[in-house]
Amino acid sequence: MTDRARNAVPRVLLRQMFDAAIASAQPSLCVPRHLPAAPRGRFIVIGAGKASAAMARSVEEHWPGPLSGLVVTRYGYAVACRHIEIAESAHPVPDAAGLRSAQRMLDLVGNLNEDDLVLCLISGGGSALLPLPAAGLTLDIKQSVNRSLLASGASISEINCVRRHLSGIKGGRLAAACHPASVVTLLISDVPGDRPIDIASGPTVADPTTCEDALNIVRRYGIDLPAAARDVLESGRGESVKPGDSRLARASVSIIATPQMALVAAAQVARAAGIEPHILSDAIEGEARDVGKVMAAIALQVAERNQPVKAPCVLLSGGETTVTVRGTGRGGRNVEFLLSLAIALDGHPRIHALAGDTDGVDGQEEIAGALVEPDSMARAWACGRRPRDALADNDAHSLFCALEDSVVTGPTLTNVNDFRAILIEDEATP
């Protein structure tokens, strides 16, 4: 039996678990049961994120009365809606289309009254898709800051803290603009801990953090802010909407899909296949390559010593790792995790893995992630690839593409963060 044939069953099972995780967070499943009661006045739908267009379509399919609105999604993630306008803009680095849409969204909710209701549909990616700068800043400055943040190694919570305080729409400002209308926000979480303020930088959520907090993050990671951006933070002009602000008194928030729900769905697939699943955490953060080494050590302990659990099993986890960019490669935190994992596993014959972003895009590539097999590193060497060099250059995507082990889903129309599955076979497995 060839290595490829031997690895076929684990590959299929890992992909089935990933697909189940994505399917569990589809807006068509989670939006309808959270729709609010009809208002006396107008019903306006707004939103942003990689899942927002699919969320909007689900609203239209289940809303009995008149409605209108505007949501912004990533290029390629639009779906047809009859009454809600779907705009597209760039992610992860914002563009002028996103800027225009953000301003139009504020204009749309600027003249509402107490009888009106705004339904805000927010999912991961909304920060970049609504890049309205604070007064005194430009889109060029926002783009520069965003690139620096993404390459810094800062956590998503830290990145979004800085974004909120350089924004004209995030950090509760969008909900404040809707006042005195009621605001109902439905969130699909893509952040560790499911904190509403960190999902798309919380455009409809009160923000307890401050400009000084943002400055401390900038100092911690040595981020070279443009002078105008630094002035917004140092002057306090970038302060966001705080808890207790009367403009948010009629605003409510519901989280309708989470990384934990996706991991549970994957676990059900594993259990049905006779493999015991173990959910380690839905909120793992840290440098992707460091998390890869730790996960490899745990997997090896299971494989060789049946501790802390017994094989056969699958170790499931979610969250959002980070990559401090030092090389010139194609990036991708999930594939960087996998490459580090594979190097540390050193070709263990009974360990397979898959990692991918549930939105279908790992880093800036239209690739969700990749698969690791026992012979992955041997095949890499055989085709002239040096795994440690690829890791040092942040170029795992190129290596896995050369091995034909990339996982490509296309736009998934949802986003519940990263998915990681490490399958450890029993010693008796042929």
Protein backbone atom coordinates (compact mmCIF):
# COMPACT_ATOMS: atom_id res chain seq x y z
CA MET A 1 0.00 0.00 0.00
CA THR A 2 1.38 3.44 -0.93
CA ASP A 3 1.78 6.20 1.67
CA ARG A 4 -0.89 8.21 -0.13
CA ALA A 5 -3.37 5.33 0.03
CA ARG A 6 -2.56 4.74 3.69
CA ASN A 7 -3.16 8.41 4.49
CA ALA A 8 -6.41 8.68 2.52
CA VAL A 9 -8.76 7.78 5.38
CA PRO A 10 -7.26 10.26 7.89
CA ARG A 11 -7.29 12.99 5.22
CA VAL A 12 -10.95 12.40 4.48
CA LEU A 13 -11.93 12.38 8.16
CA LEU A 14 -9.97 15.55 8.91
CA ARG A 15 -11.61 17.34 5.99
CA GLN A 16 -15.06 16.12 7.08
CA MET A 17 -14.47 17.61 10.52
CA PHE A 18 -13.37 20.92 9.03
CA ASP A 19 -16.39 21.02 6.73
CA ALA A 20 -18.70 20.26 9.66
CA ALA A 21 -17.20 23.11 11.66
CA ILE A 22 -17.87 25.52 8.79
CA ALA A 23 -21.39 24.20 8.20
CA SER A 24 -22.34 24.66 11.87
CA ALA A 25 -21.79 28.41 11.61
CA GLN A 26 -23.71 29.09 8.42
CA PRO A 27 -25.95 32.16 8.77
CA SER A 28 -28.90 30.26 7.34
CA LEU A 29 -28.82 28.11 10.49
CA CYS A 30 -28.10 30.66 13.18
CA VAL A 31 -29.70 33.95 12.06
CA PRO A 32 -33.46 33.17 11.81
CA ARG A 33 -34.05 32.22 15.45
CA HIS A 34 -32.47 35.47 16.65
CA LEU A 35 -34.49 37.94 14.58
CA PRO A 36 -36.19 40.68 16.64
CA ALA A 37 -39.87 41.61 16.67
CA ALA A 38 -41.04 44.05 14.01
CA PRO A 39 -40.82 47.74 14.97
CA ARG A 40 -43.50 50.38 14.66
CA GLY A 41 -41.25 52.38 12.37
CA ARG A 42 -38.62 51.57 9.79
CA PHE A 43 -36.52 48.42 9.79
CA ILE A 44 -32.94 49.07 8.63
CA VAL A 45 -30.34 46.34 8.20
CA ILE A 46 -26.66 47.22 8.31
CA GLY A 47 -23.52 45.20 8.91
CA ALA A 48 -19.99 44.22 8.00
CA GLY A 49 -17.87 41.10 7.86
CA LYS A 50 -17.11 38.06 5.78
CA ALA A 51 -20.44 36.49 6.78
CA SER A 52 -22.52 39.66 6.65
CA ALA A 53 -23.93 39.21 3.12
CA ALA A 54 -25.06 35.65 3.88
CA MET A 55 -26.53 36.93 7.15
CA ALA A 56 -28.42 39.61 5.24
CA ARG A 57 -29.83 37.07 2.82
CA SER A 58 -31.06 34.97 5.74
CA VAL A 59 -32.78 38.03 7.22
CA GLU A 60 -34.55 38.72 3.93
CA GLU A 61 -35.70 35.12 3.64
CA HIS A 62 -37.32 35.19 7.10
CA TRP A 63 -38.47 38.80 7.54
CA PRO A 64 -42.19 39.27 6.86
CA GLY A 65 -42.30 43.03 6.38
CA PRO A 66 -40.53 45.85 4.52
CA LEU A 67 -36.83 46.38 5.06
CA SER A 68 -33.83 48.10 3.53
CA GLY A 69 -30.17 48.54 4.32
CA LEU A 70 -26.51 48.16 3.48
CA VAL A 71 -23.93 45.56 4.49
CA VAL A 72 -20.27 45.32 3.48
CA THR A 73 -18.43 42.07 2.86
CA ARG A 74 -15.10 40.95 1.46
CA TYR A 75 -14.59 40.84 -2.30
CA GLY A 76 -15.95 37.52 -3.53
CA TYR A 77 -18.23 36.99 -0.51
CA ALA A 78 -21.32 38.80 -1.82
CA VAL A 79 -24.62 36.97 -2.20
CA ALA A 80 -27.74 38.23 -3.94
CA CYS A 81 -30.26 40.17 -1.85
CA ARG A 82 -33.44 41.87 -3.04
CA HIS A 83 -33.78 44.80 -0.64
CA ILE A 84 -30.48 45.04 1.24
CA GLU A 85 -27.59 46.48 -0.74
CA ILE A 86 -24.46 44.34 -0.65
CA ALA A 87 -21.20 46.25 -1.02
CA GLU A 88 -17.73 44.73 -1.24
CA SER A 89 -14.37 45.99 -0.04
CA ALA A 90 -10.87 44.75 0.72
CA HIS A 91 -9.59 42.58 3.55
CA PRO A 92 -7.25 42.46 5.46
CA VAL A 93 -5.84 45.79 4.23
CA PRO A 94 -8.73 48.26 3.71
CA ASP A 95 -9.46 50.18 0.53
CA ALA A 96 -11.41 53.19 -0.73
CA ALA A 97 -14.54 51.12 -1.40
CA GLY A 98 -14.71 50.22 2.28
CA LEU A 99 -14.24 53.85 3.25
CA ARG A 100 -17.13 54.94 1.03
CA SER A 101 -19.39 52.20 2.35
CA ALA A 102 -18.63 53.08 5.97
CA GLN A 103 -19.55 56.70 5.40
CA ARG A 104 -22.74 55.72 3.55
CA MET A 105 -23.68 53.45 6.44
CA LEU A 106 -23.37 56.29 8.93
CA ASP A 107 -25.46 58.50 6.62
CA LEU A 108 -28.11 55.78 6.36
CA VAL A 109 -28.71 55.66 10.11
CA GLY A 110 -28.25 59.36 10.76
CA ASN A 111 -31.92 60.44 10.82
CA LEU A 112 -33.81 57.71 12.66
CA ASN A 113 -36.38 58.05 15.44
CA GLU A 114 -37.50 56.07 18.48
CA ASP A 115 -39.90 53.91 16.49
CA ASP A 116 -37.19 52.67 14.14
CA LEU A 117 -35.13 49.52 14.53
CA VAL A 118 -31.61 48.88 13.24
CA LEU A 119 -30.46 45.28 12.88
CA CYS A 120 -26.67 45.17 12.73
CA LEU A 121 -25.05 41.99 11.31
CA ILE A 122 -21.43 41.71 12.36
CA SER A 123 -18.84 39.01 11.73
CA GLY A 124 -15.08 38.69 11.54
CA GLY A 125 -13.34 40.92 9.03
CA GLY A 126 -15.55 43.91 9.73
CA SER A 127 -12.66 46.00 11.05
CA ALA A 128 -10.93 46.14 7.68
CA LEU A 129 -14.20 46.35 5.74
CA LEU A 130 -15.33 49.53 7.57
CA PRO A 131 -12.13 51.61 7.56
CA LEU A 132 -13.61 55.06 8.28
CA PRO A 133 -10.73 57.05 9.82
CA ALA A 134 -11.06 59.27 12.85
CA ALA A 135 -11.10 63.01 12.14
CA GLY A 136 -7.68 64.15 11.00
CA LEU A 137 -6.67 60.78 9.53
CA THR A 138 -6.71 59.47 5.97
CA LEU A 139 -7.24 56.08 4.38
CA ASP A 140 -3.52 55.92 3.56
CA ILE A 141 -2.71 56.29 7.25
CA LYS A 142 -5.25 53.61 8.18
CA GLN A 143 -3.73 51.24 5.62
CA SER A 144 -0.23 51.87 6.92
CA VAL A 145 -1.24 51.29 10.53
CA ASN A 146 -3.16 48.15 9.58
CA ARG A 147 -0.17 46.63 7.80
CA SER A 148 2.07 47.38 10.77
CA LEU A 149 -0.40 45.85 13.22
CA LEU A 150 -0.81 42.68 11.17
CA ALA A 151 2.96 42.17 10.99
CA SER A 152 3.67 43.06 14.63
CA GLY A 153 2.73 39.81 16.36
CA ALA A 154 0.06 41.59 18.45
CA SER A 155 -3.04 39.59 19.40
CA ILE A 156 -6.34 40.29 17.69
CA SER A 157 -7.61 41.94 20.88
CA GLU A 158 -4.62 44.28 20.93
CA ILE A 159 -4.90 45.02 17.21
CA ASN A 160 -8.57 45.88 17.54
CA CYS A 161 -7.95 48.13 20.55
CA VAL A 162 -5.69 50.30 18.39
CA ARG A 163 -8.13 50.18 15.48
CA ARG A 164 -11.06 51.34 17.66
CA HIS A 165 -9.21 54.45 18.78
CA LEU A 166 -8.26 55.49 15.25
CA SER A 167 -11.77 54.96 13.85
CA GLY A 168 -14.77 57.07 13.06
CA ILE A 169 -17.20 54.12 13.20
CA LYS A 170 -15.85 51.39 15.51
CA GLY A 171 -15.87 51.27 19.31
CA GLY A 172 -19.61 51.90 19.65
CA ARG A 173 -19.72 54.85 17.27
CA LEU A 174 -22.03 53.14 14.76
CA ALA A 175 -24.63 52.38 17.45
CA ALA A 176 -24.34 55.92 18.79
CA ALA A 177 -25.08 57.23 15.28
CA CYS A 178 -28.33 55.21 15.27
CA HIS A 179 -29.66 56.92 18.42
CA PRO A 180 -32.56 57.25 19.32
CA ALA A 181 -33.53 54.13 17.31
CA SER A 182 -33.26 50.69 18.87
CA VAL A 183 -30.23 48.67 17.78
CA VAL A 184 -30.06 44.86 17.78
CA THR A 185 -26.66 43.40 16.91
CA LEU A 186 -26.19 39.77 15.87
CA LEU A 187 -22.58 38.60 16.08
CA ILE A 188 -20.75 35.64 14.57
CA SER A 189 -17.64 35.43 16.72
CA ASP A 190 -14.17 34.97 15.28
CA VAL A 191 -12.19 36.00 18.36
CA PRO A 192 -10.80 34.12 21.36
CA GLY A 193 -13.12 34.61 24.30
CA ASP A 194 -16.03 35.77 22.11
CA ARG A 195 -15.72 39.35 23.40
CA PRO A 196 -18.19 41.54 21.47
CA ILE A 197 -15.84 44.53 21.58
CA ASP A 198 -13.25 42.54 19.63
CA ILE A 199 -15.55 41.21 16.90
CA ALA A 200 -15.00 43.67 14.01
CA SER A 201 -13.71 46.10 16.67
CA GLY A 202 -17.17 46.49 18.19
CA PRO A 203 -18.93 49.12 16.05
CA THR A 204 -22.12 48.84 18.13
CA VAL A 205 -20.59 47.95 21.51
CA ALA A 206 -19.46 50.23 24.34
CA ASP A 207 -15.67 50.20 24.71
CA PRO A 208 -14.04 50.24 28.16
CA THR A 209 -10.51 50.59 26.72
CA THR A 210 -8.81 53.96 26.23
CA CYS A 211 -6.45 55.84 23.97
CA GLU A 212 -3.75 55.23 26.56
CA ASP A 213 -4.36 51.49 26.29
CA ALA A 214 -3.89 51.76 22.53
CA LEU A 215 -0.66 53.73 22.99
CA ASN A 216 0.69 51.10 25.36
CA ILE A 217 0.10 48.43 22.69
CA VAL A 218 1.88 50.56 20.10
CA ARG A 219 4.86 50.93 22.46
CA ARG A 220 4.86 47.24 23.42
CA TYR A 221 5.29 46.08 19.83
CA GLY A 222 7.45 48.95 18.63
CA ILE A 223 4.93 50.04 16.02
CA ASP A 224 5.99 53.19 14.17
CA LEU A 225 2.76 55.18 14.00
CA PRO A 226 2.35 58.03 11.52
CA ALA A 227 2.46 61.38 13.37
CA ALA A 228 -1.21 62.13 12.73
CA ALA A 229 -2.30 58.79 14.17
CA ARG A 230 -0.10 59.21 17.23
CA ASP A 231 -1.61 62.66 17.80
CA VAL A 232 -5.15 61.25 17.73
CA LEU A 233 -4.19 58.85 20.53
CA GLU A 234 -2.02 61.20 22.59
CA SER A 235 -4.59 64.02 22.48
CA GLY A 236 -7.45 61.74 23.49
CA ARG A 237 -9.45 62.70 20.39
CA GLY A 238 -9.74 59.02 19.53
CA GLU A 239 -11.70 58.05 22.64
CA SER A 240 -14.48 55.60 21.83
CA VAL A 241 -18.03 55.34 23.20
CA LYS A 242 -17.86 54.21 26.83
CA PRO A 243 -20.11 51.97 28.96
CA GLY A 244 -23.06 53.93 30.33
CA ASP A 245 -23.32 56.26 27.34
CA SER A 246 -27.02 57.13 26.96
CA ARG A 247 -26.85 56.74 23.17
CA LEU A 248 -26.38 52.99 23.65
CA ALA A 249 -29.23 52.56 26.17
CA ARG A 250 -31.45 50.90 23.52
CA ALA A 251 -28.73 48.72 22.03
CA SER A 252 -28.54 44.95 22.59
CA VAL A 253 -26.08 42.27 21.45
CA SER A 254 -26.46 38.53 20.81
CA ILE A 255 -23.67 36.14 19.81
CA ILE A 256 -25.26 33.61 17.46
CA ALA A 257 -22.29 31.46 16.38
CA THR A 258 -18.95 30.78 18.05
CA PRO A 259 -15.73 28.81 17.59
CA GLN A 260 -16.86 26.45 20.37
CA MET A 261 -19.99 25.52 18.41
CA ALA A 262 -17.81 24.69 15.40
CA LEU A 263 -15.50 22.48 17.46
CA VAL A 264 -18.49 20.62 18.92
CA ALA A 265 -19.76 19.95 15.38
CA ALA A 266 -16.36 18.58 14.39
CA ALA A 267 -16.26 16.42 17.51
CA GLN A 268 -19.57 14.83 16.53
CA VAL A 269 -18.10 13.80 13.17
CA ALA A 270 -15.07 12.23 14.87
CA ARG A 271 -17.20 10.35 17.38
CA ALA A 272 -19.40 8.98 14.60
CA ALA A 273 -16.25 7.62 12.96
CA GLY A 274 -15.22 5.85 16.17
CA ILE A 275 -12.52 8.36 17.09
CA GLU A 276 -12.70 9.96 20.53
CA PRO A 277 -12.54 13.78 20.24
CA HIS A 278 -10.94 16.04 22.83
CA ILE A 279 -11.59 19.78 22.62
CA LEU A 280 -8.52 21.42 24.13
CA SER A 281 -9.65 25.04 23.85
CA ASP A 282 -11.59 27.38 21.59
CA ALA A 283 -9.37 30.35 22.47
CA ILE A 284 -5.70 29.47 21.89
CA GLU A 285 -3.51 32.44 21.09
CA GLY A 286 0.23 33.02 20.72
CA GLU A 287 2.87 32.79 18.01
CA ALA A 288 1.71 30.21 15.47
CA ARG A 289 5.06 28.44 15.34
CA ASP A 290 5.23 28.22 19.14
CA VAL A 291 1.70 26.81 19.36
CA GLY A 292 2.71 24.28 16.71
CA LYS A 293 5.62 23.02 18.81
CA VAL A 294 3.48 22.75 21.95
CA MET A 295 0.72 20.88 20.12
CA ALA A 296 3.30 18.51 18.62
CA ALA A 297 4.63 17.71 22.08
CA ILE A 298 1.11 16.92 23.32
CA ALA A 299 0.36 14.76 20.28
CA LEU A 300 3.60 12.82 20.71
CA GLN A 301 2.82 12.20 24.38
CA VAL A 302 -0.55 10.76 23.38
CA ALA A 303 0.94 8.63 20.60
CA GLU A 304 3.84 7.22 22.62
CA ARG A 305 2.51 7.11 26.17
CA ASN A 306 -1.29 7.36 25.92
CA GLN A 307 -1.14 10.46 28.12
CA PRO A 308 -3.12 12.53 28.94
CA VAL A 309 -5.59 10.65 26.71
CA LYS A 310 -5.46 7.44 24.71
CA ALA A 311 -5.19 6.94 20.99
CA PRO A 312 -7.01 6.71 18.68
CA CYS A 313 -8.26 10.24 19.21
CA VAL A 314 -8.38 13.69 17.71
CA LEU A 315 -7.25 16.86 19.46
CA LEU A 316 -9.42 19.83 18.46
CA SER A 317 -8.73 23.48 19.11
CA GLY A 318 -9.65 26.95 17.93
CA GLY A 319 -8.65 30.52 18.61
CA GLU A 320 -6.39 32.85 16.69
CA THR A 321 -2.63 32.58 16.63
CA THR A 322 -0.39 35.37 15.41
CA VAL A 323 2.65 35.63 13.17
CA THR A 324 5.45 38.09 13.72
CA VAL A 325 6.54 38.60 10.13
CA ARG A 326 10.30 38.44 9.65
CA GLY A 327 10.51 36.83 6.23
CA THR A 328 9.25 37.62 2.75
CA GLY A 329 7.02 34.57 2.21
CA ARG A 330 3.30 34.24 1.56
CA GLY A 331 2.36 34.09 5.25
CA GLY A 332 -0.69 32.40 6.79
CA ARG A 333 -0.95 31.70 10.51
CA ASN A 334 -2.64 28.30 10.10
CA VAL A 335 -0.05 26.96 7.68
CA GLU A 336 2.76 28.41 9.81
CA PHE A 337 1.31 26.49 12.76
CA LEU A 338 1.15 23.33 10.65
CA LEU A 339 4.70 23.61 9.34
CA SER A 340 6.06 24.11 12.84
CA LEU A 341 3.96 21.15 14.03
CA ALA A 342 5.21 18.91 11.20
CA ILE A 343 8.85 19.76 11.84
CA ALA A 344 8.44 18.93 15.53
CA LEU A 345 6.57 15.68 14.80
CA ASP A 346 9.52 14.56 12.66
CA GLY A 347 7.44 12.20 10.53
CA HIS A 348 5.69 10.32 13.32
CA PRO A 349 3.87 7.53 11.47
CA ARG A 350 0.52 7.81 13.28
CA ILE A 351 -0.11 11.55 13.48
CA HIS A 352 -2.03 13.58 10.90
CA ALA A 353 -3.30 17.16 11.12
CA LEU A 354 -5.38 19.83 9.45
CA ALA A 355 -5.52 23.53 10.24
CA GLY A 356 -7.49 26.19 8.45
CA ASP A 357 -9.35 29.43 8.78
CA THR A 358 -13.11 28.86 8.71
CA ASP A 359 -13.58 31.87 6.44
CA GLY A 360 -11.57 30.14 3.72
CA VAL A 361 -8.69 32.64 3.74
CA ASP A 362 -5.47 32.07 5.69
CA GLY A 363 -3.54 35.34 5.80
CA GLN A 364 -3.91 37.02 2.43
CA GLU A 365 -4.16 33.81 0.40
CA GLU A 366 -7.35 32.38 -1.10
CA ILE A 367 -6.42 29.15 0.68
CA ALA A 368 -8.03 28.06 3.94
CA GLY A 369 -5.10 26.04 5.29
CA ALA A 370 -3.40 22.70 4.74
CA LEU A 371 -3.00 19.07 5.76
CA VAL A 372 0.01 17.39 7.38
CA GLU A 373 0.73 13.69 6.94
CA PRO A 374 3.48 11.50 8.39
CA ASP A 375 5.48 11.77 5.16
CA SER A 376 4.91 15.50 4.56
CA MET A 377 8.40 16.67 5.48
CA ALA A 378 10.05 13.79 3.60
CA ARG A 379 8.09 14.76 0.49
CA ALA A 380 9.11 18.38 0.99
CA TRP A 381 12.79 17.45 1.04
CA ALA A 382 12.27 15.20 -1.99
CA CYS A 383 10.93 18.09 -4.06
CA GLY A 384 13.73 20.44 -3.03
CA ARG A 385 11.93 22.29 -0.24
CA ARG A 386 13.66 23.02 3.06
CA PRO A 387 10.97 23.09 5.77
CA ARG A 388 12.97 25.08 8.34
CA ASP A 389 13.93 27.66 5.72
CA ALA A 390 10.27 28.01 4.69
CA LEU A 391 9.28 28.53 8.34
CA ALA A 392 11.99 31.15 8.84
CA ASP A 393 10.76 32.98 5.74
CA ASN A 394 7.06 32.81 6.78
CA ASP A 395 6.47 30.85 3.57
CA ALA A 396 4.50 27.76 4.60
CA HIS A 397 1.86 28.34 1.91
CA SER A 398 4.44 27.80 -0.83
CA LEU A 399 5.63 24.56 0.75
CA PHE A 400 2.16 23.06 1.20
CA CYS A 401 1.12 24.16 -2.29
CA ALA A 402 4.16 22.34 -3.69
CA LEU A 403 3.07 19.21 -1.80
CA GLU A 404 -0.50 19.60 -3.11
CA ASP A 405 -1.66 19.55 0.51
CA SER A 406 -3.36 22.95 0.62
CA VAL A 407 -7.00 23.03 1.73
CA VAL A 408 -9.08 25.25 -0.55
CA THR A 409 -12.75 25.86 0.27
CA GLY A 410 -13.57 29.06 -1.60
CA PRO A 411 -15.68 31.68 0.22
CA THR A 412 -17.36 29.89 3.13
CA LEU A 413 -19.72 32.82 3.92
CA THR A 414 -18.97 32.50 7.64
CA ASN A 415 -16.08 33.04 10.03
CA VAL A 416 -15.61 31.40 13.43
CA ASN A 417 -11.85 31.70 13.53
CA ASP A 418 -9.15 29.07 13.17
CA PHE A 419 -9.77 25.33 13.24
CA ARG A 420 -7.09 22.81 14.21
CA ALA A 421 -7.44 19.02 14.32
CA ILE A 422 -4.62 16.57 15.16
CA LEU A 423 -5.58 12.95 14.51
CA ILE A 424 -3.57 10.31 16.38
CA GLU A 425 -4.05 6.75 15.20
CA ASP A 426 -3.92 3.63 17.34
CA GLU A 427 -0.79 1.50 17.16
CA ALA A 428 -2.92 -1.31 15.74
CA THR A 429 -3.98 0.82 12.75
CA PRO A 430 -2.57 -0.83 9.61
